Amino acid sequence: MSEVNLNNTLKTEGRLSRPSTPSRARTNRAAQRTFFIITLVPVVLIIIVATALVVRSYPILNSYSLSDLLLGETWRPNNGEFGFRPFILGTLWVTTVGVLLAVPPCLLVSVYLAEYAHNRTRTFAKPVLDVLAAIPPVVYGVWGLLAIVPFVDDVLAPLSERWLGDSISIFAVTQPTGFGILAGGIVLAVMIAPLIISVIFEVLSTVPNDLRHASLAVGATQWQTIRTVVLPQVLPGIVAAIVLGASRALGETIAVLMVVGNVPNIPTSVFDTAYPLPALIANNYGEMMSIPLYDAALLGAALVLLVVILIFNILSTLVLQRFLRRS
C-alpha cells in the first residue's frame, strides 16, 4: 500500500486526526503552568528553610540584639554569651584562602585541557576529575589530617617564619600545631578544584573555533589568541565557575572541621586556628540542649550562614550580569 493510500486510510479511521486549536492551546497552558510551578520549587524551599530557621532562632534574637550576636567576640553558652563574630570571620578566612589557592591552578589546567591538550589527555583527565569530585568530604578530611596538617606544621610554618617573619602579619606563625586556616584552605582548594575546572573547561569549549582561526590567521600566537580572544569571551563563565566553587566552600563542614582547629578566636594569620559556622553547628547541635537558648543560638548560626551565602550569591550574580552587559 502506498504512503498516500495509508494516510488516507488512517484519516478515515480517525487515527491521524490532528488536535484542535483550543485543545493545543490548553495543552500549552498546562505545560507552561507545570514548568512554572517546578521552577518555583527552589524558591519556595529557600523561603521555607529561612522561615523555619527564623522561627526556631527567635528566642535568641528576642533575647539579644542583632549587633551583640554578630559582633560579639565571646562564645560561652554556659554564661549566656553567644558571639558569632569569631565563627563568621573563621568562615570567611577559610573560604577566601581556599578560593585563592584553587582559582589560579584551576584556570591554568582548564586552559591547558581546552586549548593545548591532546584528545587522549582529555579522555583521561575528565574521568579523573569526576572521581575527585565524587570523593566524600570525610575522606578529604582524613587526608588533610594525615598529610596537610603535618605538611603545614613541618614545612610551611617554618618556611614562612624563616623568609617572612613578622613582615607580613597574615603569615605570622602563632599556632605551631599545623591545625588552622591554611590547612583548611588547602583541603577546600582541592575539594572545589574539580568543580571549577569542569565548569571553566565547558565554558572554554563554547568559544567558536572561527575566532581562534581568525586570530591565528593574522599572525597571533596561540597564547596571544587565548589571552586576547578566548578568555575575554568567556570571562562571565569563569566568574560563574569561581562563584560555584566558593559557594560550595562556604558550606563545607566535615573536611574543614577536621583540620581547622575549631577554636573560637578571631584569626589574624593563615596559621591561626579558626571555627567556621558549619563546624560549630555540626560539632554542637544535639548536645547540651539543656543550656537555655543554646538550641536557638545554633539555629541562629545556621540562619547567619544562610544569609551570608545568599548575600554572596546575590552579589556574585550582580557582578556576573555586569560582565555580561559589557561583553
C-alpha atoms as a PDB file:
ATOM      1  CA  MET A   1       0.000   0.000   0.000  1.00  0.00           C
ATOM      2  CA  SER A   2       1.399   3.397  -0.939  1.00  0.00           C
ATOM      3  CA  GLU A   3       2.060   6.103   1.646  1.00  0.00           C
ATOM      4  CA  VAL A   4      -0.761   8.299   0.268  1.00  0.00           C
ATOM      5  CA  ASN A   5      -3.281   5.482   0.485  1.00  0.00           C
ATOM      6  CA  LEU A   6      -2.082   4.626   4.013  1.00  0.00           C
ATOM      7  CA  ASN A   7      -2.516   8.238   5.183  1.00  0.00           C
ATOM      8  CA  ASN A   8      -5.999   8.401   3.643  1.00  0.00           C
ATOM      9  CA  THR A   9      -6.965   5.166   5.374  1.00  0.00           C
ATOM     10  CA  LEU A  10      -5.657   6.421   8.763  1.00  0.00           C
ATOM     11  CA  LYS A  11      -7.509   9.722   8.348  1.00  0.00           C
ATOM     12  CA  THR A  12     -10.690   7.848   7.536  1.00  0.00           C
ATOM     13  CA  GLU A  13     -10.302   5.696  10.661  1.00  0.00           C
ATOM     14  CA  GLY A  14      -9.544   8.766  12.792  1.00  0.00           C
ATOM     15  CA  ARG A  15      -6.014   7.653  13.741  1.00  0.00           C
ATOM     16  CA  LEU A  16      -4.199  10.593  12.105  1.00  0.00           C
ATOM     17  CA  SER A  17      -6.526  13.359  13.179  1.00  0.00           C
ATOM     18  CA  ARG A  18      -4.789  16.481  14.493  1.00  0.00           C
ATOM     19  CA  PRO A  19      -5.830  18.033  17.782  1.00  0.00           C
ATOM     20  CA  SER A  20      -7.997  21.097  17.516  1.00  0.00           C
ATOM     21  CA  THR A  21      -6.591  24.566  18.148  1.00  0.00           C
ATOM     22  CA  PRO A  22      -8.331  25.018  21.570  1.00  0.00           C
ATOM     23  CA  SER A  23      -7.009  21.621  22.680  1.00  0.00           C
ATOM     24  CA  ARG A  24      -3.453  22.535  21.706  1.00  0.00           C
ATOM     25  CA  ALA A  25      -3.751  25.862  23.495  1.00  0.00           C
ATOM     26  CA  ARG A  26      -4.966  24.136  26.685  1.00  0.00           C
ATOM     27  CA  THR A  27      -2.064  21.690  26.488  1.00  0.00           C
ATOM     28  CA  ASN A  28       0.431  24.525  26.084  1.00  0.00           C
ATOM     29  CA  ARG A  29      -1.040  26.432  29.026  1.00  0.00           C
ATOM     30  CA  ALA A  30      -0.974  23.329  31.199  1.00  0.00           C
ATOM     31  CA  ALA A  31       2.671  22.675  30.296  1.00  0.00           C
ATOM     32  CA  GLN A  32       3.560  26.305  30.976  1.00  0.00           C
ATOM     33  CA  ARG A  33       1.901  26.216  34.415  1.00  0.00           C
ATOM     34  CA  THR A  34       3.623  22.929  35.251  1.00  0.00           C
ATOM     35  CA  PHE A  35       7.057  24.242  34.340  1.00  0.00           C
ATOM     36  CA  PHE A  36       6.383  27.476  36.248  1.00  0.00           C
ATOM     37  CA  ILE A  37       5.441  25.540  39.403  1.00  0.00           C
ATOM     38  CA  ILE A  38       8.542  23.338  39.119  1.00  0.00           C
ATOM     39  CA  THR A  39      10.696  26.452  38.665  1.00  0.00           C
ATOM     40  CA  LEU A  40       9.232  27.949  41.842  1.00  0.00           C
ATOM     41  CA  VAL A  41      10.124  24.888  43.937  1.00  0.00           C
ATOM     42  CA  PRO A  42      13.720  26.016  44.762  1.00  0.00           C
ATOM     43  CA  VAL A  43      12.495  29.490  45.712  1.00  0.00           C
ATOM     44  CA  VAL A  44       9.771  28.036  47.925  1.00  0.00           C
ATOM     45  CA  LEU A  45      12.271  25.688  49.584  1.00  0.00           C
ATOM     46  CA  ILE A  46      14.602  28.584  50.400  1.00  0.00           C
ATOM     47  CA  ILE A  47      11.690  30.547  51.890  1.00  0.00           C
ATOM     48  CA  ILE A  48      10.575  27.524  53.947  1.00  0.00           C
ATOM     49  CA  VAL A  49      14.096  26.881  55.258  1.00  0.00           C
ATOM     50  CA  ALA A  50      14.663  30.556  56.088  1.00  0.00           C
ATOM     51  CA  THR A  51      11.273  30.806  57.814  1.00  0.00           C
ATOM     52  CA  ALA A  52      11.929  27.690  59.885  1.00  0.00           C
ATOM     53  CA  LEU A  53      15.332  28.996  60.959  1.00  0.00           C
ATOM     54  CA  VAL A  54      13.876  32.396  61.885  1.00  0.00           C
ATOM     55  CA  VAL A  55      11.123  30.767  63.960  1.00  0.00           C
ATOM     56  CA  ARG A  56      13.492  28.371  65.739  1.00  0.00           C
ATOM     57  CA  SER A  57      16.122  31.052  66.396  1.00  0.00           C
ATOM     58  CA  TYR A  58      13.580  33.676  67.510  1.00  0.00           C
ATOM     59  CA  PRO A  59      14.285  33.154  71.251  1.00  0.00           C
ATOM     60  CA  ILE A  60      17.945  34.137  70.855  1.00  0.00           C
ATOM     61  CA  LEU A  61      17.042  37.004  68.519  1.00  0.00           C
ATOM     62  CA  ASN A  62      14.472  38.197  71.056  1.00  0.00           C
ATOM     63  CA  SER A  63      16.887  37.997  73.988  1.00  0.00           C
ATOM     64  CA  TYR A  64      19.912  39.634  72.376  1.00  0.00           C
ATOM     65  CA  SER A  65      20.278  42.445  69.883  1.00  0.00           C
ATOM     66  CA  LEU A  66      21.486  41.570  66.403  1.00  0.00           C
ATOM     67  CA  SER A  67      24.629  43.664  66.884  1.00  0.00           C
ATOM     68  CA  ASP A  68      25.500  41.788  70.090  1.00  0.00           C
ATOM     69  CA  LEU A  69      25.172  38.458  68.293  1.00  0.00           C
ATOM     70  CA  LEU A  70      27.014  39.379  65.101  1.00  0.00           C
ATOM     71  CA  LEU A  71      29.749  41.498  66.699  1.00  0.00           C
ATOM     72  CA  GLY A  72      30.142  39.609  69.953  1.00  0.00           C
ATOM     73  CA  GLU A  73      33.574  38.017  70.333  1.00  0.00           C
ATOM     74  CA  THR A  74      32.842  35.618  73.184  1.00  0.00           C
ATOM     75  CA  TRP A  75      31.169  32.225  72.896  1.00  0.00           C
ATOM     76  CA  ARG A  76      30.335  30.878  76.359  1.00  0.00           C
ATOM     77  CA  PRO A  77      26.865  29.289  76.263  1.00  0.00           C
ATOM     78  CA  ASN A  78      27.075  28.360  79.964  1.00  0.00           C
ATOM     79  CA  ASN A  79      27.411  32.058  80.798  1.00  0.00           C
ATOM     80  CA  GLY A  80      24.805  33.164  78.274  1.00  0.00           C
ATOM     81  CA  GLU A  81      27.353  34.693  75.903  1.00  0.00           C
ATOM     82  CA  PHE A  82      26.685  33.965  72.218  1.00  0.00           C
ATOM     83  CA  GLY A  83      29.037  35.941  69.995  1.00  0.00           C
ATOM     84  CA  PHE A  84      29.058  34.861  66.333  1.00  0.00           C
ATOM     85  CA  ARG A  85      31.872  37.111  65.146  1.00  0.00           C
ATOM     86  CA  PRO A  86      34.727  34.557  65.527  1.00  0.00           C
ATOM     87  CA  PHE A  87      32.729  31.968  63.581  1.00  0.00           C
ATOM     88  CA  ILE A  88      31.753  34.382  60.791  1.00  0.00           C
ATOM     89  CA  LEU A  89      35.331  35.553  60.385  1.00  0.00           C
ATOM     90  CA  GLY A  90      36.592  31.968  60.523  1.00  0.00           C
ATOM     91  CA  THR A  91      34.209  31.010  57.714  1.00  0.00           C
ATOM     92  CA  LEU A  92      35.308  33.943  55.567  1.00  0.00           C
ATOM     93  CA  TRP A  93      39.018  33.331  56.215  1.00  0.00           C
ATOM     94  CA  VAL A  94      38.935  29.638  55.327  1.00  0.00           C
ATOM     95  CA  THR A  95      36.752  30.194  52.256  1.00  0.00           C
ATOM     96  CA  THR A  96      38.908  33.059  50.974  1.00  0.00           C
ATOM     97  CA  VAL A  97      42.137  31.098  51.400  1.00  0.00           C
ATOM     98  CA  GLY A  98      40.617  28.055  49.694  1.00  0.00           C
ATOM     99  CA  VAL A  99      39.346  30.045  46.711  1.00  0.00           C
ATOM    100  CA  LEU A 100      42.609  31.991  46.317  1.00  0.00           C
ATOM    101  CA  LEU A 101      44.594  28.759  46.328  1.00  0.00           C
ATOM    102  CA  ALA A 102      42.220  26.984  43.922  1.00  0.00           C
ATOM    103  CA  VAL A 103      41.485  29.556  41.218  1.00  0.00           C
ATOM    104  CA  PRO A 104      44.936  30.124  39.577  1.00  0.00           C
ATOM    105  CA  PRO A 105      45.842  26.434  39.064  1.00  0.00           C
ATOM    106  CA  CYS A 106      42.257  25.583  38.095  1.00  0.00           C
ATOM    107  CA  LEU A 107      42.260  28.294  35.426  1.00  0.00           C
ATOM    108  CA  LEU A 108      45.608  27.100  34.029  1.00  0.00           C
ATOM    109  CA  VAL A 109      44.513  23.452  33.987  1.00  0.00           C
ATOM    110  CA  SER A 110      41.255  24.366  32.242  1.00  0.00           C
ATOM    111  CA  VAL A 111      43.065  26.395  29.592  1.00  0.00           C
ATOM    112  CA  TYR A 112      45.511  23.545  29.006  1.00  0.00           C
ATOM    113  CA  LEU A 113      42.760  20.933  28.659  1.00  0.00           C
ATOM    114  CA  ALA A 114      40.658  23.118  26.357  1.00  0.00           C
ATOM    115  CA  GLU A 115      43.398  24.667  24.195  1.00  0.00           C
ATOM    116  CA  TYR A 116      46.577  22.602  24.312  1.00  0.00           C
ATOM    117  CA  ALA A 117      45.884  19.045  25.439  1.00  0.00           C
ATOM    118  CA  HIS A 118      45.594  16.094  23.084  1.00  0.00           C
ATOM    119  CA  ASN A 119      42.255  14.293  22.890  1.00  0.00           C
ATOM    120  CA  ARG A 120      43.741  11.293  24.702  1.00  0.00           C
ATOM    121  CA  THR A 121      44.805  13.561  27.568  1.00  0.00           C
ATOM    122  CA  ARG A 122      41.299  14.987  27.835  1.00  0.00           C
ATOM    123  CA  THR A 123      39.810  11.492  27.735  1.00  0.00           C
ATOM    124  CA  PHE A 124      42.000  10.532  30.680  1.00  0.00           C
ATOM    125  CA  ALA A 125      41.653  13.769  32.653  1.00  0.00           C
ATOM    126  CA  LYS A 126      37.862  14.118  32.620  1.00  0.00           C
ATOM    127  CA  PRO A 127      37.125  10.826  34.455  1.00  0.00           C
ATOM    128  CA  VAL A 128      39.842  11.640  36.979  1.00  0.00           C
ATOM    129  CA  LEU A 129      38.189  14.994  37.711  1.00  0.00           C
ATOM    130  CA  ASP A 130      34.817  13.280  38.066  1.00  0.00           C
ATOM    131  CA  VAL A 131      36.301  10.805  40.552  1.00  0.00           C
ATOM    132  CA  LEU A 132      37.884  13.632  42.573  1.00  0.00           C
ATOM    133  CA  ALA A 133      34.550  15.468  42.685  1.00  0.00           C
ATOM    134  CA  ALA A 134      32.772  12.314  43.891  1.00  0.00           C
ATOM    135  CA  ILE A 135      35.130  11.573  46.808  1.00  0.00           C
ATOM    136  CA  PRO A 136      33.250  12.014  50.133  1.00  0.00           C
ATOM    137  CA  PRO A 137      34.285  15.083  52.167  1.00  0.00           C
ATOM    138  CA  VAL A 138      35.245  12.925  55.159  1.00  0.00           C
ATOM    139  CA  VAL A 139      37.921  11.259  53.008  1.00  0.00           C
ATOM    140  CA  TYR A 140      39.365  14.682  52.192  1.00  0.00           C
ATOM    141  CA  GLY A 141      39.241  15.461  55.897  1.00  0.00           C
ATOM    142  CA  VAL A 142      41.195  12.337  56.823  1.00  0.00           C
ATOM    143  CA  TRP A 143      43.710  13.092  54.062  1.00  0.00           C
ATOM    144  CA  GLY A 144      44.074  16.631  55.393  1.00  0.00           C
ATOM    145  CA  LEU A 145      44.536  15.318  58.920  1.00  0.00           C
ATOM    146  CA  LEU A 146      47.223  12.824  57.927  1.00  0.00           C
ATOM    147  CA  ALA A 147      49.052  14.780  55.215  1.00  0.00           C
ATOM    148  CA  ILE A 148      48.208  18.503  55.109  1.00  0.00           C
ATOM    149  CA  VAL A 149      48.380  19.275  58.836  1.00  0.00           C
ATOM    150  CA  PRO A 150      51.895  17.778  59.224  1.00  0.00           C
ATOM    151  CA  PHE A 151      52.961  19.483  55.988  1.00  0.00           C
ATOM    152  CA  VAL A 152      51.812  22.874  57.275  1.00  0.00           C
ATOM    153  CA  ASP A 153      53.428  22.281  60.671  1.00  0.00           C
ATOM    154  CA  ASP A 154      56.760  20.884  59.453  1.00  0.00           C
ATOM    155  CA  VAL A 155      57.271  22.726  56.150  1.00  0.00           C
ATOM    156  CA  LEU A 156      55.080  25.775  55.523  1.00  0.00           C
ATOM    157  CA  ALA A 157      55.162  27.263  59.031  1.00  0.00           C
ATOM    158  CA  PRO A 158      58.988  27.110  59.409  1.00  0.00           C
ATOM    159  CA  LEU A 159      59.384  28.366  55.836  1.00  0.00           C
ATOM    160  CA  SER A 160      57.101  31.332  56.499  1.00  0.00           C
ATOM    161  CA  GLU A 161      58.865  32.110  59.769  1.00  0.00           C
ATOM    162  CA  ARG A 162      62.270  31.942  58.089  1.00  0.00           C
ATOM    163  CA  TRP A 163      61.542  34.010  54.985  1.00  0.00           C
ATOM    164  CA  LEU A 164      58.751  36.357  56.054  1.00  0.00           C
ATOM    165  CA  GLY A 165      58.963  36.584  59.805  1.00  0.00           C
ATOM    166  CA  ASP A 166      56.548  39.251  61.051  1.00  0.00           C
ATOM    167  CA  SER A 167      56.911  41.442  57.948  1.00  0.00           C
ATOM    168  CA  ILE A 168      53.518  40.243  56.667  1.00  0.00           C
ATOM    169  CA  SER A 169      51.122  39.782  59.547  1.00  0.00           C
ATOM    170  CA  ILE A 170      48.801  37.327  57.818  1.00  0.00           C
ATOM    171  CA  PHE A 171      51.735  34.890  57.546  1.00  0.00           C
ATOM    172  CA  ALA A 172      52.853  35.261  61.166  1.00  0.00           C
ATOM    173  CA  VAL A 173      53.144  31.839  62.824  1.00  0.00           C
ATOM    174  CA  THR A 174      51.253  31.996  66.106  1.00  0.00           C
ATOM    175  CA  GLN A 175      49.877  28.435  66.248  1.00  0.00           C
ATOM    176  CA  PRO A 176      52.664  25.923  65.504  1.00  0.00           C
ATOM    177  CA  THR A 177      50.370  22.889  65.534  1.00  0.00           C
ATOM    178  CA  GLY A 178      49.545  22.668  61.811  1.00  0.00           C
ATOM    179  CA  PHE A 179      45.816  22.889  62.506  1.00  0.00           C
ATOM    180  CA  GLY A 180      44.457  26.156  61.198  1.00  0.00           C
ATOM    181  CA  ILE A 181      43.140  28.240  58.357  1.00  0.00           C
ATOM    182  CA  LEU A 182      45.892  27.338  55.889  1.00  0.00           C
ATOM    183  CA  ALA A 183      45.320  23.598  56.332  1.00  0.00           C
ATOM    184  CA  GLY A 184      41.556  24.087  55.930  1.00  0.00           C
ATOM    185  CA  GLY A 185      42.102  26.294  52.884  1.00  0.00           C
ATOM    186  CA  ILE A 186      44.327  23.721  51.191  1.00  0.00           C
ATOM    187  CA  VAL A 187      41.764  20.970  51.763  1.00  0.00           C
ATOM    188  CA  LEU A 188      38.973  23.212  50.478  1.00  0.00           C
ATOM    189  CA  ALA A 189      41.021  24.170  47.406  1.00  0.00           C
ATOM    190  CA  VAL A 190      41.487  20.509  46.493  1.00  0.00           C
ATOM    191  CA  MET A 191      37.790  19.804  47.070  1.00  0.00           C
ATOM    192  CA  ILE A 192      36.447  22.601  44.888  1.00  0.00           C
ATOM    193  CA  ALA A 193      39.104  22.289  42.165  1.00  0.00           C
ATOM    194  CA  PRO A 194      37.312  19.573  40.112  1.00  0.00           C
ATOM    195  CA  LEU A 195      34.114  21.639  40.018  1.00  0.00           C
ATOM    196  CA  ILE A 196      35.857  24.834  38.933  1.00  0.00           C
ATOM    197  CA  ILE A 197      37.983  23.046  36.312  1.00  0.00           C
ATOM    198  CA  SER A 198      34.995  21.233  34.813  1.00  0.00           C
ATOM    199  CA  VAL A 199      32.868  24.381  34.535  1.00  0.00           C
ATOM    200  CA  ILE A 200      35.664  26.536  33.072  1.00  0.00           C
ATOM    201  CA  PHE A 201      36.583  23.770  30.612  1.00  0.00           C
ATOM    202  CA  GLU A 202      32.987  23.542  29.384  1.00  0.00           C
ATOM    203  CA  VAL A 203      32.801  27.331  29.076  1.00  0.00           C
ATOM    204  CA  LEU A 204      36.037  27.487  27.072  1.00  0.00           C
ATOM    205  CA  SER A 205      34.700  24.770  24.766  1.00  0.00           C
ATOM    206  CA  THR A 206      31.801  27.035  23.780  1.00  0.00           C
ATOM    207  CA  VAL A 207      34.077  29.583  22.068  1.00  0.00           C
ATOM    208  CA  PRO A 208      33.720  29.144  18.271  1.00  0.00           C
ATOM    209  CA  ASN A 209      36.848  27.851  16.539  1.00  0.00           C
ATOM    210  CA  ASP A 210      36.378  30.514  13.863  1.00  0.00           C
ATOM    211  CA  LEU A 211      37.531  33.149  16.355  1.00  0.00           C
ATOM    212  CA  ARG A 212      40.670  31.179  17.129  1.00  0.00           C
ATOM    213  CA  HIS A 213      41.417  30.584  13.449  1.00  0.00           C
ATOM    214  CA  ALA A 214      40.899  34.254  12.597  1.00  0.00           C
ATOM    215  CA  SER A 215      43.318  35.333  15.316  1.00  0.00           C
ATOM    216  CA  LEU A 216      45.927  32.785  14.256  1.00  0.00           C
ATOM    217  CA  ALA A 217      45.493  33.821  10.629  1.00  0.00           C
ATOM    218  CA  VAL A 218      46.573  37.410  11.340  1.00  0.00           C
ATOM    219  CA  GLY A 219      49.806  36.209  12.973  1.00  0.00           C
ATOM    220  CA  ALA A 220      48.893  35.905  16.673  1.00  0.00           C
ATOM    221  CA  THR A 221      50.449  33.087  18.675  1.00  0.00           C
ATOM    222  CA  GLN A 222      48.266  30.531  20.407  1.00  0.00           C
ATOM    223  CA  TRP A 223      48.843  32.127  23.798  1.00  0.00           C
ATOM    224  CA  GLN A 224      48.012  35.584  22.419  1.00  0.00           C
ATOM    225  CA  THR A 225      44.829  34.130  20.949  1.00  0.00           C
ATOM    226  CA  ILE A 226      43.864  32.626  24.284  1.00  0.00           C
ATOM    227  CA  ARG A 227      44.660  35.805  26.223  1.00  0.00           C
ATOM    228  CA  THR A 228      43.097  38.374  23.897  1.00  0.00           C
ATOM    229  CA  VAL A 229      40.314  36.449  22.164  1.00  0.00           C
ATOM    230  CA  VAL A 230      39.217  33.348  24.101  1.00  0.00           C
ATOM    231  CA  LEU A 231      39.396  34.472  27.733  1.00  0.00           C
ATOM    232  CA  PRO A 232      37.554  37.808  27.237  1.00  0.00           C
ATOM    233  CA  GLN A 233      34.745  35.880  25.531  1.00  0.00           C
ATOM    234  CA  VAL A 234      34.230  33.556  28.492  1.00  0.00           C
ATOM    235  CA  LEU A 235      35.017  35.878  31.415  1.00  0.00           C
ATOM    236  CA  PRO A 236      31.428  35.764  32.775  1.00  0.00           C
ATOM    237  CA  GLY A 237      31.529  31.964  32.694  1.00  0.00           C
ATOM    238  CA  ILE A 238      34.831  31.937  34.584  1.00  0.00           C
ATOM    239  CA  VAL A 239      33.318  34.201  37.234  1.00  0.00           C
ATOM    240  CA  ALA A 240      30.337  31.859  37.488  1.00  0.00           C
ATOM    241  CA  ALA A 241      32.649  28.859  37.968  1.00  0.00           C
ATOM    242  CA  ILE A 242      34.514  30.637  40.768  1.00  0.00           C
ATOM    243  CA  VAL A 243      31.209  31.548  42.403  1.00  0.00           C
ATOM    244  CA  LEU A 244      30.063  27.921  42.306  1.00  0.00           C
ATOM    245  CA  GLY A 245      33.299  26.788  43.901  1.00  0.00           C
ATOM    246  CA  ALA A 246      33.145  29.473  46.594  1.00  0.00           C
ATOM    247  CA  SER A 247      29.510  28.616  47.364  1.00  0.00           C
ATOM    248  CA  ARG A 248      30.476  25.019  47.989  1.00  0.00           C
ATOM    249  CA  ALA A 249      33.435  26.106  50.117  1.00  0.00           C
ATOM    250  CA  LEU A 250      31.244  28.323  52.304  1.00  0.00           C
ATOM    251  CA  GLY A 251      29.062  25.419  53.391  1.00  0.00           C
ATOM    252  CA  GLU A 252      31.696  22.701  53.660  1.00  0.00           C
ATOM    253  CA  THR A 253      31.680  21.075  57.078  1.00  0.00           C
ATOM    254  CA  ILE A 254      33.266  17.710  57.787  1.00  0.00           C
ATOM    255  CA  ALA A 255      36.539  18.122  55.916  1.00  0.00           C
ATOM    256  CA  VAL A 256      37.166  21.589  57.343  1.00  0.00           C
ATOM    257  CA  LEU A 257      36.311  20.875  60.970  1.00  0.00           C
ATOM    258  CA  MET A 258      38.847  18.017  60.988  1.00  0.00           C
ATOM    259  CA  VAL A 259      41.814  20.289  60.156  1.00  0.00           C
ATOM    260  CA  VAL A 260      40.928  23.867  61.078  1.00  0.00           C
ATOM    261  CA  GLY A 261      41.404  23.571  64.835  1.00  0.00           C
ATOM    262  CA  ASN A 262      37.885  24.529  65.985  1.00  0.00           C
ATOM    263  CA  VAL A 263      38.943  27.268  68.406  1.00  0.00           C
ATOM    264  CA  PRO A 264      36.529  30.244  68.621  1.00  0.00           C
ATOM    265  CA  ASN A 265      39.071  33.023  68.267  1.00  0.00           C
ATOM    266  CA  ILE A 266      39.354  35.895  65.801  1.00  0.00           C
ATOM    267  CA  PRO A 267      42.043  34.924  63.253  1.00  0.00           C
ATOM    268  CA  THR A 268      44.815  37.301  62.308  1.00  0.00           C
ATOM    269  CA  SER A 269      47.029  34.901  60.319  1.00  0.00           C
ATOM    270  CA  VAL A 270      46.542  31.989  57.929  1.00  0.00           C
ATOM    271  CA  PHE A 271      48.356  29.829  60.511  1.00  0.00           C
ATOM    272  CA  ASP A 272      45.799  30.649  63.218  1.00  0.00           C
ATOM    273  CA  THR A 273      43.113  28.209  64.225  1.00  0.00           C
ATOM    274  CA  ALA A 274      39.512  29.061  63.376  1.00  0.00           C
ATOM    275  CA  TYR A 275      35.988  27.808  63.928  1.00  0.00           C
ATOM    276  CA  PRO A 276      33.731  28.161  60.858  1.00  0.00           C
ATOM    277  CA  LEU A 277      29.960  28.321  61.267  1.00  0.00           C
ATOM    278  CA  PRO A 278      29.272  24.913  59.634  1.00  0.00           C
ATOM    279  CA  ALA A 279      31.743  23.260  62.013  1.00  0.00           C
ATOM    280  CA  LEU A 280      30.095  24.955  65.013  1.00  0.00           C
ATOM    281  CA  ILE A 281      26.680  23.601  64.050  1.00  0.00           C
ATOM    282  CA  ALA A 282      27.950  20.102  63.218  1.00  0.00           C
ATOM    283  CA  ASN A 283      30.005  19.770  66.411  1.00  0.00           C
ATOM    284  CA  ASN A 284      27.439  21.007  68.897  1.00  0.00           C
ATOM    285  CA  TYR A 285      23.901  20.538  67.634  1.00  0.00           C
ATOM    286  CA  GLY A 286      22.151  17.893  69.686  1.00  0.00           C
ATOM    287  CA  GLU A 287      24.452  18.312  72.676  1.00  0.00           C
ATOM    288  CA  MET A 288      23.997  20.369  75.824  1.00  0.00           C
ATOM    289  CA  MET A 289      20.457  21.277  74.815  1.00  0.00           C
ATOM    290  CA  SER A 290      19.648  21.783  78.496  1.00  0.00           C
ATOM    291  CA  ILE A 291      21.504  25.109  78.372  1.00  0.00           C
ATOM    292  CA  PRO A 292      18.989  27.948  77.874  1.00  0.00           C
ATOM    293  CA  LEU A 293      18.938  29.409  74.366  1.00  0.00           C
ATOM    294  CA  TYR A 294      21.701  27.054  73.201  1.00  0.00           C
ATOM    295  CA  ASP A 295      19.490  25.367  70.614  1.00  0.00           C
ATOM    296  CA  ALA A 296      18.245  28.739  69.371  1.00  0.00           C
ATOM    297  CA  ALA A 297      21.817  30.048  69.189  1.00  0.00           C
ATOM    298  CA  LEU A 298      22.958  27.186  66.958  1.00  0.00           C
ATOM    299  CA  LEU A 299      19.970  27.644  64.673  1.00  0.00           C
ATOM    300  CA  GLY A 300      20.741  31.353  64.671  1.00  0.00           C
ATOM    301  CA  ALA A 301      24.233  30.434  63.472  1.00  0.00           C
ATOM    302  CA  ALA A 302      22.633  28.391  60.671  1.00  0.00           C
ATOM    303  CA  LEU A 303      20.497  31.426  59.784  1.00  0.00           C
ATOM    304  CA  VAL A 304      23.587  33.647  59.676  1.00  0.00           C
ATOM    305  CA  LEU A 305      25.332  31.127  57.401  1.00  0.00           C
ATOM    306  CA  LEU A 306      22.316  31.038  55.091  1.00  0.00           C
ATOM    307  CA  VAL A 307      22.208  34.847  54.916  1.00  0.00           C
ATOM    308  CA  VAL A 308      25.964  35.050  54.221  1.00  0.00           C
ATOM    309  CA  ILE A 309      25.674  32.542  51.372  1.00  0.00           C
ATOM    310  CA  LEU A 310      22.617  34.319  49.912  1.00  0.00           C
ATOM    311  CA  ILE A 311      24.340  37.705  50.045  1.00  0.00           C
ATOM    312  CA  PHE A 312      27.450  36.245  48.448  1.00  0.00           C
ATOM    313  CA  ASN A 313      25.461  34.656  45.626  1.00  0.00           C
ATOM    314  CA  ILE A 314      23.381  37.792  45.024  1.00  0.00           C
ATOM    315  CA  LEU A 315      26.477  39.995  44.807  1.00  0.00           C
ATOM    316  CA  SER A 316      28.153  37.462  42.538  1.00  0.00           C
ATOM    317  CA  THR A 317      25.100  37.396  40.283  1.00  0.00           C
ATOM    318  CA  LEU A 318      25.153  41.184  40.028  1.00  0.00           C
ATOM    319  CA  VAL A 319      28.850  41.128  39.095  1.00  0.00           C
ATOM    320  CA  LEU A 320      28.177  38.397  36.532  1.00  0.00           C
ATOM    321  CA  GLN A 321      25.345  40.393  34.960  1.00  0.00           C
ATOM    322  CA  ARG A 322      27.636  43.413  34.735  1.00  0.00           C
ATOM    323  CA  PHE A 323      30.233  41.335  32.892  1.00  0.00           C
ATOM    324  CA  LEU A 324      27.528  40.029  30.560  1.00  0.00           C
ATOM    325  CA  ARG A 325      26.374  43.577  29.730  1.00  0.00           C
ATOM    326  CA  ARG A 326      29.949  44.607  28.972  1.00  0.00           C
ATOM    327  CA  SER A 327      30.559  41.604  26.752  1.00  0.00           C
END
